[in-house]
Amino acid sequence: MDEFNSPMVAWHFDVGNIMNYGWPEQWIRILGKRIAQLHIKEYSRQKRDKEGPGKGFQVALLEGDNNWPTVMQAVDEIGYQGWAITEQGGGSSPEGLKDLADRLAKIIAC
């Protein structure tokens, strides 16, 4: 990535997807300023091990294996100031969307 030497080439970092390859906070520190967008997603290694890889994503924010305070500390350490998006189900009801927004706010506040 560094060889491109262009601000147009950057990393879309997915906190949930990386759980199969290591801990997100480690990768955040390694990638540092190369991260252009932060994708907030939960993942359960326990659910993955019992039910299969795709099932690890079927947990609500704050109910998986991400250590959000540690992840957000790493985000702060690299000086990330960009967008954060999420790909978690929130349901189609106002209550479900409020729950998702509240969970995301707790993560960002870590």
N, C-alpha and C. Protein backbone atom coordinates (compact mmCIF):
# COMPACT_ATOMS: atom_id res chain seq x y z
N MET A 1 0.81 -1.18 0.00
CA MET A 1 0.00 0.00 0.00
C MET A 1 0.86 1.26 0.00
N ASP A 2 1.90 1.24 0.79
CA ASP A 2 2.76 2.41 0.89
C ASP A 2 3.45 2.74 -0.43
N GLU A 3 3.69 1.73 -1.25
CA GLU A 3 4.38 1.95 -2.52
C GLU A 3 3.58 2.81 -3.49
N PHE A 4 2.27 2.85 -3.33
CA PHE A 4 1.46 3.71 -4.20
C PHE A 4 1.74 5.18 -3.93
N ASN A 5 2.13 5.49 -2.70
CA ASN A 5 2.45 6.86 -2.32
C ASN A 5 1.37 7.84 -2.77
N SER A 6 0.13 7.48 -2.45
CA SER A 6 -1.01 8.31 -2.86
C SER A 6 -2.02 8.39 -1.73
N PRO A 7 -2.56 9.59 -1.48
CA PRO A 7 -3.61 9.71 -0.47
C PRO A 7 -4.92 9.06 -0.92
N MET A 8 -4.99 8.67 -2.18
CA MET A 8 -6.19 8.03 -2.72
C MET A 8 -6.23 6.52 -2.42
N VAL A 9 -5.14 5.99 -1.93
CA VAL A 9 -5.07 4.56 -1.60
C VAL A 9 -4.98 4.44 -0.09
N ALA A 10 -6.01 3.86 0.51
CA ALA A 10 -6.06 3.74 1.97
C ALA A 10 -6.83 2.48 2.35
N TRP A 11 -6.92 2.23 3.63
CA TRP A 11 -7.50 1.01 4.15
C TRP A 11 -8.89 1.27 4.71
N HIS A 12 -9.85 0.42 4.31
CA HIS A 12 -11.17 0.39 4.92
C HIS A 12 -11.07 -0.71 5.97
N PHE A 13 -10.93 -0.33 7.24
CA PHE A 13 -10.66 -1.31 8.29
C PHE A 13 -11.95 -1.79 8.94
N ASP A 14 -12.19 -3.10 8.84
CA ASP A 14 -13.38 -3.73 9.40
C ASP A 14 -13.01 -4.46 10.69
N VAL A 15 -13.47 -3.94 11.81
CA VAL A 15 -13.13 -4.48 13.12
C VAL A 15 -13.63 -5.92 13.29
N GLY A 16 -14.80 -6.25 12.75
CA GLY A 16 -15.33 -7.61 12.88
C GLY A 16 -14.63 -8.60 11.99
N ASN A 17 -14.40 -8.25 10.74
CA ASN A 17 -13.79 -9.18 9.80
C ASN A 17 -12.38 -9.60 10.21
N ILE A 18 -11.66 -8.70 10.85
CA ILE A 18 -10.26 -9.00 11.18
C ILE A 18 -10.14 -10.00 12.32
N MET A 19 -11.23 -10.26 13.03
CA MET A 19 -11.18 -11.15 14.19
C MET A 19 -10.71 -12.57 13.85
N ASN A 20 -10.83 -12.99 12.60
CA ASN A 20 -10.32 -14.31 12.20
C ASN A 20 -8.81 -14.33 12.04
N TYR A 21 -8.19 -13.15 12.01
CA TYR A 21 -6.76 -13.05 11.71
C TYR A 21 -5.94 -12.44 12.84
N GLY A 22 -6.58 -12.00 13.87
CA GLY A 22 -5.89 -11.38 14.98
C GLY A 22 -6.80 -10.44 15.72
N TRP A 23 -6.24 -9.70 16.62
CA TRP A 23 -7.02 -8.75 17.41
C TRP A 23 -7.04 -7.40 16.70
N PRO A 24 -8.21 -6.78 16.60
CA PRO A 24 -8.34 -5.50 15.87
C PRO A 24 -7.38 -4.43 16.36
N GLU A 25 -7.18 -4.34 17.67
CA GLU A 25 -6.32 -3.28 18.18
C GLU A 25 -4.89 -3.42 17.68
N GLN A 26 -4.43 -4.66 17.48
CA GLN A 26 -3.09 -4.86 16.93
C GLN A 26 -3.01 -4.36 15.49
N TRP A 27 -4.01 -4.72 14.69
CA TRP A 27 -4.02 -4.30 13.29
C TRP A 27 -4.19 -2.79 13.15
N ILE A 28 -4.97 -2.19 14.03
CA ILE A 28 -5.15 -0.74 13.98
C ILE A 28 -3.80 -0.06 14.20
N ARG A 29 -3.04 -0.54 15.16
CA ARG A 29 -1.72 0.06 15.43
C ARG A 29 -0.75 -0.19 14.27
N ILE A 30 -0.84 -1.35 13.65
CA ILE A 30 0.03 -1.65 12.50
C ILE A 30 -0.31 -0.77 11.31
N LEU A 31 -1.59 -0.65 11.00
CA LEU A 31 -2.02 0.11 9.82
C LEU A 31 -1.95 1.62 10.06
N GLY A 32 -2.19 2.05 11.28
CA GLY A 32 -2.07 3.45 11.64
C GLY A 32 -2.76 4.42 10.70
N LYS A 33 -1.99 5.36 10.20
CA LYS A 33 -2.53 6.43 9.34
C LYS A 33 -3.05 5.92 8.00
N ARG A 34 -2.80 4.67 7.69
CA ARG A 34 -3.30 4.10 6.43
C ARG A 34 -4.81 3.85 6.48
N ILE A 35 -5.41 3.87 7.68
CA ILE A 35 -6.84 3.62 7.82
C ILE A 35 -7.61 4.87 7.42
N ALA A 36 -8.48 4.71 6.42
CA ALA A 36 -9.27 5.84 5.92
C ALA A 36 -10.71 5.78 6.43
N GLN A 37 -11.16 4.58 6.77
CA GLN A 37 -12.53 4.44 7.26
C GLN A 37 -12.58 3.29 8.25
N LEU A 38 -13.33 3.46 9.32
CA LEU A 38 -13.47 2.47 10.36
C LEU A 38 -14.85 1.85 10.27
N HIS A 39 -14.86 0.53 10.14
CA HIS A 39 -16.11 -0.23 10.01
C HIS A 39 -16.34 -0.97 11.33
N ILE A 40 -17.33 -0.52 12.09
CA ILE A 40 -17.64 -1.10 13.39
C ILE A 40 -18.56 -2.31 13.19
N LYS A 41 -18.06 -3.47 13.54
CA LYS A 41 -18.85 -4.69 13.42
C LYS A 41 -18.42 -5.65 14.52
N GLU A 42 -19.36 -6.39 15.06
CA GLU A 42 -19.08 -7.32 16.14
C GLU A 42 -18.80 -8.71 15.57
N TYR A 43 -18.10 -9.52 16.35
CA TYR A 43 -17.80 -10.89 15.94
C TYR A 43 -17.61 -11.75 17.18
N SER A 44 -18.15 -12.95 17.13
CA SER A 44 -18.01 -13.90 18.24
C SER A 44 -17.19 -15.11 17.77
N ARG A 45 -16.01 -15.26 18.31
CA ARG A 45 -15.19 -16.43 17.98
C ARG A 45 -15.83 -17.70 18.54
N GLN A 46 -16.48 -17.61 19.68
CA GLN A 46 -17.14 -18.77 20.27
C GLN A 46 -18.27 -19.26 19.36
N LYS A 47 -19.07 -18.34 18.85
CA LYS A 47 -20.16 -18.71 17.93
C LYS A 47 -19.58 -19.28 16.62
N ARG A 48 -18.50 -18.68 16.15
CA ARG A 48 -17.80 -19.18 14.96
C ARG A 48 -17.36 -20.63 15.16
N ASP A 49 -16.73 -20.89 16.30
CA ASP A 49 -16.20 -22.23 16.56
C ASP A 49 -17.29 -23.28 16.71
N LYS A 50 -18.44 -22.90 17.24
CA LYS A 50 -19.54 -23.84 17.46
C LYS A 50 -20.43 -24.01 16.23
N GLU A 51 -20.64 -22.92 15.46
CA GLU A 51 -21.65 -22.93 14.41
C GLU A 51 -21.12 -22.65 13.01
N GLY A 52 -19.87 -22.23 12.89
CA GLY A 52 -19.30 -21.94 11.58
C GLY A 52 -18.92 -20.48 11.45
N PRO A 53 -18.00 -20.18 10.52
CA PRO A 53 -17.44 -18.83 10.39
C PRO A 53 -18.47 -17.71 10.21
N GLY A 54 -19.46 -17.92 9.37
CA GLY A 54 -20.45 -16.87 9.13
C GLY A 54 -21.30 -16.56 10.34
N LYS A 55 -21.47 -17.53 11.20
CA LYS A 55 -22.32 -17.33 12.39
C LYS A 55 -21.68 -16.39 13.40
N GLY A 56 -20.36 -16.24 13.32
CA GLY A 56 -19.69 -15.34 14.25
C GLY A 56 -20.16 -13.90 14.14
N PHE A 57 -20.70 -13.53 12.99
CA PHE A 57 -21.20 -12.17 12.79
C PHE A 57 -22.60 -11.98 13.35
N GLN A 58 -23.25 -13.03 13.74
CA GLN A 58 -24.65 -12.94 14.17
C GLN A 58 -24.77 -12.68 15.67
N VAL A 59 -24.12 -11.63 16.09
CA VAL A 59 -24.23 -11.15 17.47
C VAL A 59 -24.36 -9.63 17.43
N ALA A 60 -25.05 -9.11 18.41
CA ALA A 60 -25.23 -7.66 18.50
C ALA A 60 -23.93 -6.99 18.93
N LEU A 61 -23.80 -5.73 18.59
CA LEU A 61 -22.67 -4.95 19.09
C LEU A 61 -22.60 -5.08 20.60
N LEU A 62 -21.41 -5.20 21.13
CA LEU A 62 -21.12 -5.34 22.55
C LEU A 62 -21.39 -6.74 23.09
N GLU A 63 -21.79 -7.69 22.24
CA GLU A 63 -22.08 -9.05 22.70
C GLU A 63 -21.15 -10.10 22.08
N GLY A 64 -20.09 -9.65 21.45
CA GLY A 64 -19.13 -10.56 20.84
C GLY A 64 -17.80 -10.50 21.56
N ASP A 65 -16.74 -10.76 20.82
CA ASP A 65 -15.41 -10.85 21.42
C ASP A 65 -14.54 -9.61 21.24
N ASN A 66 -15.04 -8.60 20.60
CA ASN A 66 -14.25 -7.37 20.48
C ASN A 66 -14.12 -6.72 21.85
N ASN A 67 -12.92 -6.31 22.17
CA ASN A 67 -12.67 -5.57 23.41
C ASN A 67 -12.73 -4.09 23.01
N TRP A 68 -13.93 -3.53 23.03
CA TRP A 68 -14.13 -2.20 22.47
C TRP A 68 -13.32 -1.10 23.16
N PRO A 69 -13.17 -1.11 24.48
CA PRO A 69 -12.31 -0.07 25.06
C PRO A 69 -10.88 -0.13 24.52
N THR A 70 -10.35 -1.34 24.34
CA THR A 70 -8.99 -1.50 23.82
C THR A 70 -8.93 -1.10 22.34
N VAL A 71 -9.95 -1.48 21.58
CA VAL A 71 -10.02 -1.12 20.17
C VAL A 71 -10.06 0.41 20.02
N MET A 72 -10.92 1.05 20.79
CA MET A 72 -11.06 2.50 20.65
C MET A 72 -9.82 3.23 21.18
N GLN A 73 -9.12 2.65 22.15
CA GLN A 73 -7.86 3.23 22.61
C GLN A 73 -6.85 3.22 21.47
N ALA A 74 -6.79 2.11 20.73
CA ALA A 74 -5.88 2.02 19.58
C ALA A 74 -6.26 3.05 18.52
N VAL A 75 -7.56 3.22 18.29
CA VAL A 75 -8.03 4.22 17.33
C VAL A 75 -7.56 5.61 17.75
N ASP A 76 -7.69 5.91 19.03
CA ASP A 76 -7.22 7.21 19.54
C ASP A 76 -5.71 7.36 19.38
N GLU A 77 -4.97 6.28 19.65
CA GLU A 77 -3.50 6.33 19.57
C GLU A 77 -3.00 6.68 18.18
N ILE A 78 -3.70 6.21 17.15
CA ILE A 78 -3.24 6.51 15.78
C ILE A 78 -3.76 7.85 15.28
N GLY A 79 -4.58 8.52 16.10
CA GLY A 79 -5.09 9.83 15.72
C GLY A 79 -6.19 9.78 14.67
N TYR A 80 -6.91 8.68 14.60
CA TYR A 80 -7.97 8.55 13.58
C TYR A 80 -9.07 9.57 13.85
N GLN A 81 -9.46 10.29 12.81
CA GLN A 81 -10.51 11.31 12.91
C GLN A 81 -11.59 11.13 11.85
N GLY A 82 -11.57 10.01 11.15
CA GLY A 82 -12.51 9.81 10.04
C GLY A 82 -13.86 9.26 10.47
N TRP A 83 -14.56 8.77 9.47
CA TRP A 83 -15.90 8.22 9.66
C TRP A 83 -15.85 6.86 10.35
N ALA A 84 -16.95 6.55 11.03
CA ALA A 84 -17.19 5.20 11.54
C ALA A 84 -18.55 4.78 11.03
N ILE A 85 -18.61 3.60 10.43
CA ILE A 85 -19.88 3.08 9.94
C ILE A 85 -20.10 1.71 10.58
N THR A 86 -21.32 1.22 10.51
CA THR A 86 -21.62 -0.10 11.04
C THR A 86 -22.46 -0.90 10.07
N GLU A 87 -22.36 -2.21 10.20
CA GLU A 87 -23.09 -3.13 9.33
C GLU A 87 -23.83 -4.16 10.19
N GLN A 88 -24.31 -3.73 11.31
CA GLN A 88 -25.02 -4.60 12.22
C GLN A 88 -26.51 -4.49 11.97
N GLY A 89 -27.20 -5.59 12.13
CA GLY A 89 -28.65 -5.55 12.02
C GLY A 89 -29.24 -4.75 13.16
N GLY A 90 -30.20 -3.93 12.85
CA GLY A 90 -30.86 -3.13 13.88
C GLY A 90 -32.36 -3.33 13.82
N GLY A 91 -32.76 -4.18 12.90
CA GLY A 91 -34.20 -4.36 12.74
C GLY A 91 -34.80 -3.20 11.99
N SER A 92 -36.03 -3.35 11.66
CA SER A 92 -36.70 -2.28 10.90
C SER A 92 -37.56 -1.42 11.81
N SER A 93 -37.59 -1.73 13.08
CA SER A 93 -38.43 -0.96 14.00
C SER A 93 -37.64 0.22 14.57
N PRO A 94 -38.33 1.26 14.97
CA PRO A 94 -37.64 2.38 15.62
C PRO A 94 -36.89 1.93 16.88
N GLU A 95 -37.44 0.98 17.62
CA GLU A 95 -36.78 0.50 18.82
C GLU A 95 -35.47 -0.21 18.49
N GLY A 96 -35.49 -1.04 17.44
CA GLY A 96 -34.29 -1.76 17.02
C GLY A 96 -33.21 -0.82 16.56
N LEU A 97 -33.60 0.20 15.82
CA LEU A 97 -32.62 1.18 15.35
C LEU A 97 -32.07 2.01 16.51
N LYS A 98 -32.91 2.33 17.48
CA LYS A 98 -32.43 3.06 18.66
C LYS A 98 -31.45 2.21 19.45
N ASP A 99 -31.73 0.92 19.59
CA ASP A 99 -30.81 0.03 20.28
C ASP A 99 -29.46 -0.01 19.58
N LEU A 100 -29.47 -0.12 18.25
CA LEU A 100 -28.24 -0.12 17.49
C LEU A 100 -27.47 1.18 17.68
N ALA A 101 -28.17 2.30 17.59
CA ALA A 101 -27.53 3.61 17.78
C ALA A 101 -26.95 3.75 19.18
N ASP A 102 -27.68 3.26 20.19
CA ASP A 102 -27.19 3.34 21.57
C ASP A 102 -25.93 2.48 21.75
N ARG A 103 -25.92 1.28 21.16
CA ARG A 103 -24.75 0.41 21.27
C ARG A 103 -23.55 1.05 20.57
N LEU A 104 -23.77 1.61 19.39
CA LEU A 104 -22.69 2.26 18.65
C LEU A 104 -22.15 3.47 19.45
N ALA A 105 -23.04 4.22 20.06
CA ALA A 105 -22.61 5.37 20.86
C ALA A 105 -21.75 4.92 22.05
N LYS A 106 -22.09 3.79 22.67
CA LYS A 106 -21.27 3.27 23.78
C LYS A 106 -19.87 2.89 23.30
N ILE A 107 -19.80 2.31 22.12
CA ILE A 107 -18.49 1.92 21.58
C ILE A 107 -17.65 3.16 21.29
N ILE A 108 -18.23 4.12 20.64
CA ILE A 108 -17.50 5.33 20.27
C ILE A 108 -17.05 6.10 21.52
N ALA A 109 -17.83 6.01 22.59
CA ALA A 109 -17.49 6.73 23.83
C ALA A 109 -16.42 6.04 24.65
N CYS A 110 -16.05 4.81 24.28
CA CYS A 110 -15.03 4.07 25.06
C CYS A 110 -13.73 4.83 25.14
